[in-house]
PDB file of N, CA and C in Angstrom:
ATOM      1  N   MET A   1     -60.531  59.123  36.706  1.00  0.00           N
ATOM      2  CA  MET A   1     -59.474  58.443  37.379  1.00  0.00           C
ATOM      3  C   MET A   1     -58.285  58.658  36.624  1.00  0.00           C
ATOM      4  N   SER A   2     -57.341  58.992  37.294  1.00  0.00           N
ATOM      5  CA  SER A   2     -56.019  59.505  36.738  1.00  0.00           C
ATOM      6  C   SER A   2     -55.131  58.189  36.506  1.00  0.00           C
ATOM      7  N   SER A   3     -54.485  58.109  35.279  1.00  0.00           N
ATOM      8  CA  SER A   3     -53.553  56.926  35.067  1.00  0.00           C
ATOM      9  C   SER A   3     -52.196  57.430  35.655  1.00  0.00           C
ATOM     10  N   ARG A   4     -51.915  58.641  36.093  1.00  0.00           N
ATOM     11  CA  ARG A   4     -50.604  58.952  36.569  1.00  0.00           C
ATOM     12  C   ARG A   4     -50.460  58.425  38.001  1.00  0.00           C
ATOM     13  N   THR A   5     -49.152  58.135  38.477  1.00  0.00           N
ATOM     14  CA  THR A   5     -48.930  57.716  39.716  1.00  0.00           C
ATOM     15  C   THR A   5     -47.569  58.475  40.124  1.00  0.00           C
ATOM     16  N   ARG A   6     -47.226  58.442  41.519  1.00  0.00           N
ATOM     17  CA  ARG A   6     -46.134  59.062  41.895  1.00  0.00           C
ATOM     18  C   ARG A   6     -45.295  58.128  42.886  1.00  0.00           C
ATOM     19  N   ALA A   7     -44.063  58.180  42.685  1.00  0.00           N
ATOM     20  CA  ALA A   7     -43.095  57.286  43.592  1.00  0.00           C
ATOM     21  C   ALA A   7     -42.293  58.251  44.214  1.00  0.00           C
ATOM     22  N   HIS A   8     -42.041  58.168  45.528  1.00  0.00           N
ATOM     23  CA  HIS A   8     -41.113  58.831  46.312  1.00  0.00           C
ATOM     24  C   HIS A   8     -39.962  57.993  46.669  1.00  0.00           C
ATOM     25  N   VAL A   9     -38.763  58.273  46.233  1.00  0.00           N
ATOM     26  CA  VAL A   9     -37.638  57.215  46.206  1.00  0.00           C
ATOM     27  C   VAL A   9     -36.413  57.782  47.003  1.00  0.00           C
ATOM     28  N   TYR A  10     -35.924  56.902  47.794  1.00  0.00           N
ATOM     29  CA  TYR A  10     -34.499  57.070  48.399  1.00  0.00           C
ATOM     30  C   TYR A  10     -33.621  56.205  47.970  1.00  0.00           C
ATOM     31  N   VAL A  11     -32.465  56.469  47.485  1.00  0.00           N
ATOM     32  CA  VAL A  11     -31.436  55.610  46.959  1.00  0.00           C
ATOM     33  C   VAL A  11     -30.229  55.660  47.888  1.00  0.00           C
ATOM     34  N   THR A  12     -29.699  54.653  48.137  1.00  0.00           N
ATOM     35  CA  THR A  12     -28.586  54.400  49.239  1.00  0.00           C
ATOM     36  C   THR A  12     -27.458  53.771  48.480  1.00  0.00           C
ATOM     37  N   GLY A  13     -26.234  54.055  48.716  1.00  0.00           N
ATOM     38  CA  GLY A  13     -25.063  53.606  48.197  1.00  0.00           C
ATOM     39  C   GLY A  13     -24.157  54.674  47.827  1.00  0.00           C
ATOM     40  N   ASN A  14     -23.106  54.434  46.842  1.00  0.00           N
ATOM     41  CA  ASN A  14     -22.373  55.384  46.414  1.00  0.00           C
ATOM     42  C   ASN A  14     -23.040  56.109  45.177  1.00  0.00           C
ATOM     43  N   VAL A  15     -23.763  57.114  45.571  1.00  0.00           N
ATOM     44  CA  VAL A  15     -24.782  57.711  44.568  1.00  0.00           C
ATOM     45  C   VAL A  15     -24.498  59.275  44.539  1.00  0.00           C
ATOM     46  N   GLN A  16     -23.541  59.701  45.253  1.00  0.00           N
ATOM     47  CA  GLN A  16     -23.315  61.144  45.141  1.00  0.00           C
ATOM     48  C   GLN A  16     -21.861  61.412  44.451  1.00  0.00           C
ATOM     49  N   GLY A  17     -21.755  62.409  43.707  1.00  0.00           N
ATOM     50  CA  GLY A  17     -20.503  62.584  43.008  1.00  0.00           C
ATOM     51  C   GLY A  17     -20.279  61.709  41.800  1.00  0.00           C
ATOM     52  N   VAL A  18     -21.419  61.119  41.393  1.00  0.00           N
ATOM     53  CA  VAL A  18     -21.153  60.082  40.426  1.00  0.00           C
ATOM     54  C   VAL A  18     -22.140  60.353  39.150  1.00  0.00           C
ATOM     55  N   PHE A  19     -22.662  61.714  39.057  1.00  0.00           N
ATOM     56  CA  PHE A  19     -23.617  62.107  37.991  1.00  0.00           C
ATOM     57  C   PHE A  19     -24.859  61.361  38.147  1.00  0.00           C
ATOM     58  N   TYR A  20     -25.350  60.914  39.284  1.00  0.00           N
ATOM     59  CA  TYR A  20     -26.573  60.292  39.507  1.00  0.00           C
ATOM     60  C   TYR A  20     -27.764  61.074  39.148  1.00  0.00           C
ATOM     61  N   ARG A  21     -27.577  62.476  39.723  1.00  0.00           N
ATOM     62  CA  ARG A  21     -28.820  63.143  39.572  1.00  0.00           C
ATOM     63  C   ARG A  21     -28.927  63.676  38.149  1.00  0.00           C
ATOM     64  N   ALA A  22     -27.870  63.983  37.385  1.00  0.00           N
ATOM     65  CA  ALA A  22     -28.110  64.325  36.083  1.00  0.00           C
ATOM     66  C   ALA A  22     -28.384  63.306  35.152  1.00  0.00           C
ATOM     67  N   THR A  23     -28.053  62.029  35.471  1.00  0.00           N
ATOM     68  CA  THR A  23     -28.461  60.935  34.651  1.00  0.00           C
ATOM     69  C   THR A  23     -29.906  60.600  34.959  1.00  0.00           C
ATOM     70  N   THR A  24     -30.307  60.799  36.194  1.00  0.00           N
ATOM     71  CA  THR A  24     -31.671  60.425  36.515  1.00  0.00           C
ATOM     72  C   THR A  24     -32.584  61.488  35.759  1.00  0.00           C
ATOM     73  N   ARG A  25     -32.291  62.815  35.853  1.00  0.00           N
ATOM     74  CA  ARG A  25     -32.924  63.810  35.098  1.00  0.00           C
ATOM     75  C   ARG A  25     -33.024  63.301  33.572  1.00  0.00           C
ATOM     76  N   ASP A  26     -32.031  62.928  33.035  1.00  0.00           N
ATOM     77  CA  ASP A  26     -32.020  62.614  31.550  1.00  0.00           C
ATOM     78  C   ASP A  26     -32.940  61.363  31.256  1.00  0.00           C
ATOM     79  N   ALA A  27     -32.876  60.423  32.143  1.00  0.00           N
ATOM     80  CA  ALA A  27     -33.682  59.157  32.048  1.00  0.00           C
ATOM     81  C   ALA A  27     -35.107  59.522  32.170  1.00  0.00           C
ATOM     82  N   ALA A  28     -35.481  60.374  33.192  1.00  0.00           N
ATOM     83  CA  ALA A  28     -36.756  60.633  33.317  1.00  0.00           C
ATOM     84  C   ALA A  28     -37.359  61.548  32.230  1.00  0.00           C
ATOM     85  N   ARG A  29     -36.591  62.541  31.717  1.00  0.00           N
ATOM     86  CA  ARG A  29     -37.001  63.362  30.574  1.00  0.00           C
ATOM     87  C   ARG A  29     -37.342  62.463  29.304  1.00  0.00           C
ATOM     88  N   GLU A  30     -36.421  61.309  29.117  1.00  0.00           N
ATOM     89  CA  GLU A  30     -36.612  60.394  28.004  1.00  0.00           C
ATOM     90  C   GLU A  30     -37.821  59.624  28.075  1.00  0.00           C
ATOM     91  N   ARG A  31     -38.313  59.373  29.361  1.00  0.00           N
ATOM     92  CA  ARG A  31     -39.537  58.624  29.620  1.00  0.00           C
ATOM     93  C   ARG A  31     -40.816  59.566  29.769  1.00  0.00           C
ATOM     94  N   ASP A  32     -40.645  60.924  29.632  1.00  0.00           N
ATOM     95  CA  ASP A  32     -41.768  61.778  29.863  1.00  0.00           C
ATOM     96  C   ASP A  32     -42.266  61.663  31.296  1.00  0.00           C
ATOM     97  N   VAL A  33     -41.335  61.511  32.258  1.00  0.00           N
ATOM     98  CA  VAL A  33     -41.659  61.486  33.701  1.00  0.00           C
ATOM     99  C   VAL A  33     -41.395  62.882  34.367  1.00  0.00           C
ATOM    100  N   ASP A  34     -42.228  63.351  35.211  1.00  0.00           N
ATOM    101  CA  ASP A  34     -42.112  64.608  35.831  1.00  0.00           C
ATOM    102  C   ASP A  34     -41.630  64.399  37.228  1.00  0.00           C
ATOM    103  N   GLY A  35     -40.948  65.495  37.815  1.00  0.00           N
ATOM    104  CA  GLY A  35     -40.639  65.354  39.209  1.00  0.00           C
ATOM    105  C   GLY A  35     -39.188  66.085  39.479  1.00  0.00           C
ATOM    106  N   TRP A  36     -38.539  65.461  40.442  1.00  0.00           N
ATOM    107  CA  TRP A  36     -37.222  66.119  40.966  1.00  0.00           C
ATOM    108  C   TRP A  36     -36.213  65.093  41.478  1.00  0.00           C
ATOM    109  N   VAL A  37     -35.023  65.455  41.743  1.00  0.00           N
ATOM    110  CA  VAL A  37     -34.053  64.682  42.263  1.00  0.00           C
ATOM    111  C   VAL A  37     -33.030  65.577  43.086  1.00  0.00           C
ATOM    112  N   ARG A  38     -32.564  65.187  44.230  1.00  0.00           N
ATOM    113  CA  ARG A  38     -31.682  65.882  44.991  1.00  0.00           C
ATOM    114  C   ARG A  38     -30.753  65.031  45.796  1.00  0.00           C
ATOM    115  N   ASN A  39     -29.512  65.521  46.147  1.00  0.00           N
ATOM    116  CA  ASN A  39     -28.732  64.807  47.279  1.00  0.00           C
ATOM    117  C   ASN A  39     -29.249  65.241  48.605  1.00  0.00           C
ATOM    118  N   LEU A  40     -29.060  64.272  49.463  1.00  0.00           N
ATOM    119  CA  LEU A  40     -29.416  64.419  50.936  1.00  0.00           C
ATOM    120  C   LEU A  40     -28.034  64.537  51.645  1.00  0.00           C
ATOM    121  N   ASP A  41     -28.044  65.241  52.863  1.00  0.00           N
ATOM    122  CA  ASP A  41     -26.886  65.338  53.433  1.00  0.00           C
ATOM    123  C   ASP A  41     -26.288  63.984  54.031  1.00  0.00           C
ATOM    124  N   ASP A  42     -27.144  62.951  54.162  1.00  0.00           N
ATOM    125  CA  ASP A  42     -26.617  61.658  54.688  1.00  0.00           C
ATOM    126  C   ASP A  42     -26.091  60.857  53.636  1.00  0.00           C
ATOM    127  N   GLY A  43     -25.781  61.305  52.321  1.00  0.00           N
ATOM    128  CA  GLY A  43     -25.333  60.489  51.318  1.00  0.00           C
ATOM    129  C   GLY A  43     -26.294  59.819  50.328  1.00  0.00           C
ATOM    130  N   ARG A  44     -27.439  59.898  50.732  1.00  0.00           N
ATOM    131  CA  ARG A  44     -28.497  59.363  49.900  1.00  0.00           C
ATOM    132  C   ARG A  44     -28.886  60.342  48.799  1.00  0.00           C
ATOM    133  N   VAL A  45     -29.617  59.761  47.822  1.00  0.00           N
ATOM    134  CA  VAL A  45     -30.350  60.590  46.802  1.00  0.00           C
ATOM    135  C   VAL A  45     -31.846  60.418  47.007  1.00  0.00           C
ATOM    136  N   GLU A  46     -32.514  61.511  46.925  1.00  0.00           N
ATOM    137  CA  GLU A  46     -33.983  61.605  47.035  1.00  0.00           C
ATOM    138  C   GLU A  46     -34.642  61.945  45.679  1.00  0.00           C
ATOM    139  N   ALA A  47     -35.663  61.257  45.340  1.00  0.00           N
ATOM    140  CA  ALA A  47     -36.261  61.545  44.024  1.00  0.00           C
ATOM    141  C   ALA A  47     -37.800  61.365  43.982  1.00  0.00           C
ATOM    142  N   VAL A  48     -38.436  62.284  43.236  1.00  0.00           N
ATOM    143  CA  VAL A  48     -39.779  61.981  43.119  1.00  0.00           C
ATOM    144  C   VAL A  48     -40.153  61.844  41.561  1.00  0.00           C
ATOM    145  N   PHE A  49     -40.936  60.886  41.192  1.00  0.00           N
ATOM    146  CA  PHE A  49     -41.267  60.697  39.980  1.00  0.00           C
ATOM    147  C   PHE A  49     -42.768  60.564  39.644  1.00  0.00           C
ATOM    148  N   GLU A  50     -43.255  61.455  38.746  1.00  0.00           N
ATOM    149  CA  GLU A  50     -44.778  61.414  38.543  1.00  0.00           C
ATOM    150  C   GLU A  50     -44.902  61.160  37.049  1.00  0.00           C
ATOM    151  N   GLY A  51     -46.068  60.419  36.656  1.00  0.00           N
ATOM    152  CA  GLY A  51     -46.352  60.187  35.451  1.00  0.00           C
ATOM    153  C   GLY A  51     -47.072  58.869  35.179  1.00  0.00           C
ATOM    154  N   PRO A  52     -47.172  58.391  33.917  1.00  0.00           N
ATOM    155  CA  PRO A  52     -47.837  57.001  33.761  1.00  0.00           C
ATOM    156  C   PRO A  52     -47.263  55.914  34.444  1.00  0.00           C
ATOM    157  N   ALA A  53     -48.074  55.033  35.069  1.00  0.00           N
ATOM    158  CA  ALA A  53     -47.630  53.893  35.959  1.00  0.00           C
ATOM    159  C   ALA A  53     -46.416  53.275  35.323  1.00  0.00           C
ATOM    160  N   ALA A  54     -46.467  52.815  34.109  1.00  0.00           N
ATOM    161  CA  ALA A  54     -45.415  52.020  33.618  1.00  0.00           C
ATOM    162  C   ALA A  54     -44.113  52.880  33.450  1.00  0.00           C
ATOM    163  N   ALA A  55     -44.110  54.164  33.142  1.00  0.00           N
ATOM    164  CA  ALA A  55     -42.985  55.017  33.058  1.00  0.00           C
ATOM    165  C   ALA A  55     -42.304  55.182  34.515  1.00  0.00           C
ATOM    166  N   VAL A  56     -43.249  55.517  35.514  1.00  0.00           N
ATOM    167  CA  VAL A  56     -42.689  55.626  36.847  1.00  0.00           C
ATOM    168  C   VAL A  56     -42.029  54.456  37.394  1.00  0.00           C
ATOM    169  N   GLU A  57     -42.801  53.261  37.058  1.00  0.00           N
ATOM    170  CA  GLU A  57     -42.139  51.994  37.611  1.00  0.00           C
ATOM    171  C   GLU A  57     -40.882  51.796  36.834  1.00  0.00           C
ATOM    172  N   GLY A  58     -40.779  52.125  35.588  1.00  0.00           N
ATOM    173  CA  GLY A  58     -39.414  52.117  34.837  1.00  0.00           C
ATOM    174  C   GLY A  58     -38.364  52.983  35.531  1.00  0.00           C
ATOM    175  N   MET A  59     -38.711  54.206  36.017  1.00  0.00           N
ATOM    176  CA  MET A  59     -37.717  55.055  36.575  1.00  0.00           C
ATOM    177  C   MET A  59     -37.213  54.362  37.865  1.00  0.00           C
ATOM    178  N   VAL A  60     -38.286  53.763  38.782  1.00  0.00           N
ATOM    179  CA  VAL A  60     -37.779  53.075  40.007  1.00  0.00           C
ATOM    180  C   VAL A  60     -36.874  52.012  39.787  1.00  0.00           C
ATOM    181  N   GLU A  61     -37.043  51.221  38.701  1.00  0.00           N
ATOM    182  CA  GLU A  61     -36.208  50.215  38.189  1.00  0.00           C
ATOM    183  C   GLU A  61     -34.899  50.636  37.871  1.00  0.00           C
ATOM    184  N   TRP A  62     -34.907  51.726  37.048  1.00  0.00           N
ATOM    185  CA  TRP A  62     -33.639  52.409  36.586  1.00  0.00           C
ATOM    186  C   TRP A  62     -32.832  52.788  37.801  1.00  0.00           C
ATOM    187  N   CYS A  63     -33.329  53.293  38.782  1.00  0.00           N
ATOM    188  CA  CYS A  63     -32.673  53.652  40.021  1.00  0.00           C
ATOM    189  C   CYS A  63     -31.831  52.513  40.593  1.00  0.00           C
ATOM    190  N   GLN A  64     -32.143  51.408  40.490  1.00  0.00           N
ATOM    191  CA  GLN A  64     -31.371  50.290  40.939  1.00  0.00           C
ATOM    192  C   GLN A  64     -29.996  50.042  40.460  1.00  0.00           C
ATOM    193  N   THR A  65     -29.792  50.740  39.313  1.00  0.00           N
ATOM    194  CA  THR A  65     -28.428  50.807  38.604  1.00  0.00           C
ATOM    195  C   THR A  65     -28.009  52.282  38.679  1.00  0.00           C
ATOM    196  N   GLY A  66     -28.917  53.024  38.112  1.00  0.00           N
ATOM    197  CA  GLY A  66     -28.454  54.521  38.124  1.00  0.00           C
ATOM    198  C   GLY A  66     -27.404  54.877  37.096  1.00  0.00           C
ATOM    199  N   SER A  67     -26.632  55.963  37.385  1.00  0.00           N
ATOM    200  CA  SER A  67     -25.401  56.282  36.452  1.00  0.00           C
ATOM    201  C   SER A  67     -24.365  55.200  36.461  1.00  0.00           C
ATOM    202  N   PRO A  68     -23.623  55.171  35.257  1.00  0.00           N
ATOM    203  CA  PRO A  68     -22.673  54.157  35.069  1.00  0.00           C
ATOM    204  C   PRO A  68     -21.743  54.097  36.188  1.00  0.00           C
ATOM    205  N   ALA A  69     -21.282  55.194  36.951  1.00  0.00           N
ATOM    206  CA  ALA A  69     -20.232  55.276  38.015  1.00  0.00           C
ATOM    207  C   ALA A  69     -20.902  54.977  39.471  1.00  0.00           C
ATOM    208  N   ALA A  70     -22.342  54.782  39.414  1.00  0.00           N
ATOM    209  CA  ALA A  70     -22.903  54.666  40.673  1.00  0.00           C
ATOM    210  C   ALA A  70     -22.665  53.253  41.297  1.00  0.00           C
ATOM    211  N   ASP A  71     -22.824  53.077  42.582  1.00  0.00           N
ATOM    212  CA  ASP A  71     -22.822  51.622  43.144  1.00  0.00           C
ATOM    213  C   ASP A  71     -24.084  51.657  44.114  1.00  0.00           C
ATOM    214  N   VAL A  72     -25.150  51.221  43.714  1.00  0.00           N
ATOM    215  CA  VAL A  72     -26.523  51.426  44.446  1.00  0.00           C
ATOM    216  C   VAL A  72     -26.583  50.186  45.251  1.00  0.00           C
ATOM    217  N   ASP A  73     -26.803  50.420  46.558  1.00  0.00           N
ATOM    218  CA  ASP A  73     -27.146  49.473  47.645  1.00  0.00           C
ATOM    219  C   ASP A  73     -28.656  49.132  47.806  1.00  0.00           C
ATOM    220  N   ASP A  74     -29.397  50.194  47.832  1.00  0.00           N
ATOM    221  CA  ASP A  74     -30.763  50.020  48.062  1.00  0.00           C
ATOM    222  C   ASP A  74     -31.656  50.992  47.411  1.00  0.00           C
ATOM    223  N   VAL A  75     -32.883  50.830  46.917  1.00  0.00           N
ATOM    224  CA  VAL A  75     -33.780  51.774  46.430  1.00  0.00           C
ATOM    225  C   VAL A  75     -35.085  51.480  47.342  1.00  0.00           C
ATOM    226  N   ASP A  76     -35.608  52.531  47.980  1.00  0.00           N
ATOM    227  CA  ASP A  76     -36.804  52.459  48.841  1.00  0.00           C
ATOM    228  C   ASP A  76     -37.875  53.344  48.175  1.00  0.00           C
ATOM    229  N   ALA A  77     -38.858  52.827  47.756  1.00  0.00           N
ATOM    230  CA  ALA A  77     -39.902  53.585  46.985  1.00  0.00           C
ATOM    231  C   ALA A  77     -41.300  53.488  47.679  1.00  0.00           C
ATOM    232  N   THR A  78     -41.967  54.560  47.722  1.00  0.00           N
ATOM    233  CA  THR A  78     -43.271  54.693  48.361  1.00  0.00           C
ATOM    234  C   THR A  78     -44.218  55.276  47.301  1.00  0.00           C
ATOM    235  N   TYR A  79     -45.333  54.675  47.162  1.00  0.00           N
ATOM    236  CA  TYR A  79     -46.238  55.151  46.077  1.00  0.00           C
ATOM    237  C   TYR A  79     -47.246  56.202  46.785  1.00  0.00           C
ATOM    238  N   GLU A  80     -47.469  57.280  46.076  1.00  0.00           N
ATOM    239  CA  GLU A  80     -48.262  58.168  46.758  1.00  0.00           C
ATOM    240  C   GLU A  80     -49.221  58.737  45.572  1.00  0.00           C
ATOM    241  N   GLU A  81     -50.272  59.708  45.900  1.00  0.00           N
ATOM    242  CA  GLU A  81     -51.080  60.385  44.969  1.00  0.00           C
ATOM    243  C   GLU A  81     -50.193  61.407  44.299  1.00  0.00           C
ATOM    244  N   PRO A  82     -50.366  61.654  42.944  1.00  0.00           N
ATOM    245  CA  PRO A  82     -49.694  62.516  42.158  1.00  0.00           C
ATOM    246  C   PRO A  82     -49.942  63.983  42.591  1.00  0.00           C
ATOM    247  N   GLU A  83     -49.177  64.927  42.584  1.00  0.00           N
ATOM    248  CA  GLU A  83     -49.362  66.308  42.863  1.00  0.00           C
ATOM    249  C   GLU A  83     -49.420  67.103  41.808  1.00  0.00           C
ATOM    250  N   GLY A  84     -49.276  66.554  40.476  1.00  0.00           N
ATOM    251  CA  GLY A  84     -49.386  67.392  39.260  1.00  0.00           C
ATOM    252  C   GLY A  84     -48.017  68.105  38.874  1.00  0.00           C
ATOM    253  N   LEU A  85     -46.845  67.554  39.326  1.00  0.00           N
ATOM    254  CA  LEU A  85     -45.671  68.151  38.805  1.00  0.00           C
ATOM    255  C   LEU A  85     -45.542  68.328  37.354  1.00  0.00           C
ATOM    256  N   ASP A  86     -44.709  69.318  36.897  1.00  0.00           N
ATOM    257  CA  ASP A  86     -44.548  69.435  35.460  1.00  0.00           C
ATOM    258  C   ASP A  86     -43.055  69.672  35.166  1.00  0.00           C
ATOM    259  N   GLY A  87     -42.546  68.707  34.392  1.00  0.00           N
ATOM    260  CA  GLY A  87     -41.213  68.988  34.086  1.00  0.00           C
ATOM    261  C   GLY A  87     -40.290  68.072  35.082  1.00  0.00           C
ATOM    262  N   PHE A  88     -38.962  68.001  34.937  1.00  0.00           N
ATOM    263  CA  PHE A  88     -38.126  67.274  35.764  1.00  0.00           C
ATOM    264  C   PHE A  88     -36.912  68.254  36.201  1.00  0.00           C
ATOM    265  N   GLU A  89     -36.493  68.405  37.384  1.00  0.00           N
ATOM    266  CA  GLU A  89     -35.516  69.209  37.714  1.00  0.00           C
ATOM    267  C   GLU A  89     -34.633  68.676  38.767  1.00  0.00           C
ATOM    268  N   ILE A  90     -33.390  69.185  38.751  1.00  0.00           N
ATOM    269  CA  ILE A  90     -32.329  68.739  39.949  1.00  0.00           C
ATOM    270  C   ILE A  90     -32.519  69.812  40.980  1.00  0.00           C
ATOM    271  N   ARG A  91     -32.810  69.392  42.174  1.00  0.00           N
ATOM    272  CA  ARG A  91     -32.924  70.424  43.316  1.00  0.00           C
ATOM    273  C   ARG A  91     -31.661  70.392  43.983  1.00  0.00           C
ATOM    274  N   ARG A  92     -31.327  71.452  44.625  1.00  0.00           N
ATOM    275  CA  ARG A  92     -29.997  71.572  45.367  1.00  0.00           C
ATOM    276  C   ARG A  92     -30.348  71.854  46.918  1.00  0.00           C
TER     277      ARG A  92
END
């Protein structure tokens, strides 16, 4: 039984053009969380986090604030089976 979990997250608010993706990547790498983050055309940010449950939950909580310039309105997280991602990247 794996101790890894996966969270698929959508972040709403003023989260584009405020270094949200870069700071998400840095925060995930500090916590040894794998996955990716990208901007969506509708103004939201989408991210996937995989890793130990406590670290993934920490990233979901981190998303509530995000980068210093961000103004987060909502974070919608769905937990899924991990897919074995390795590393963390910004997707475009």
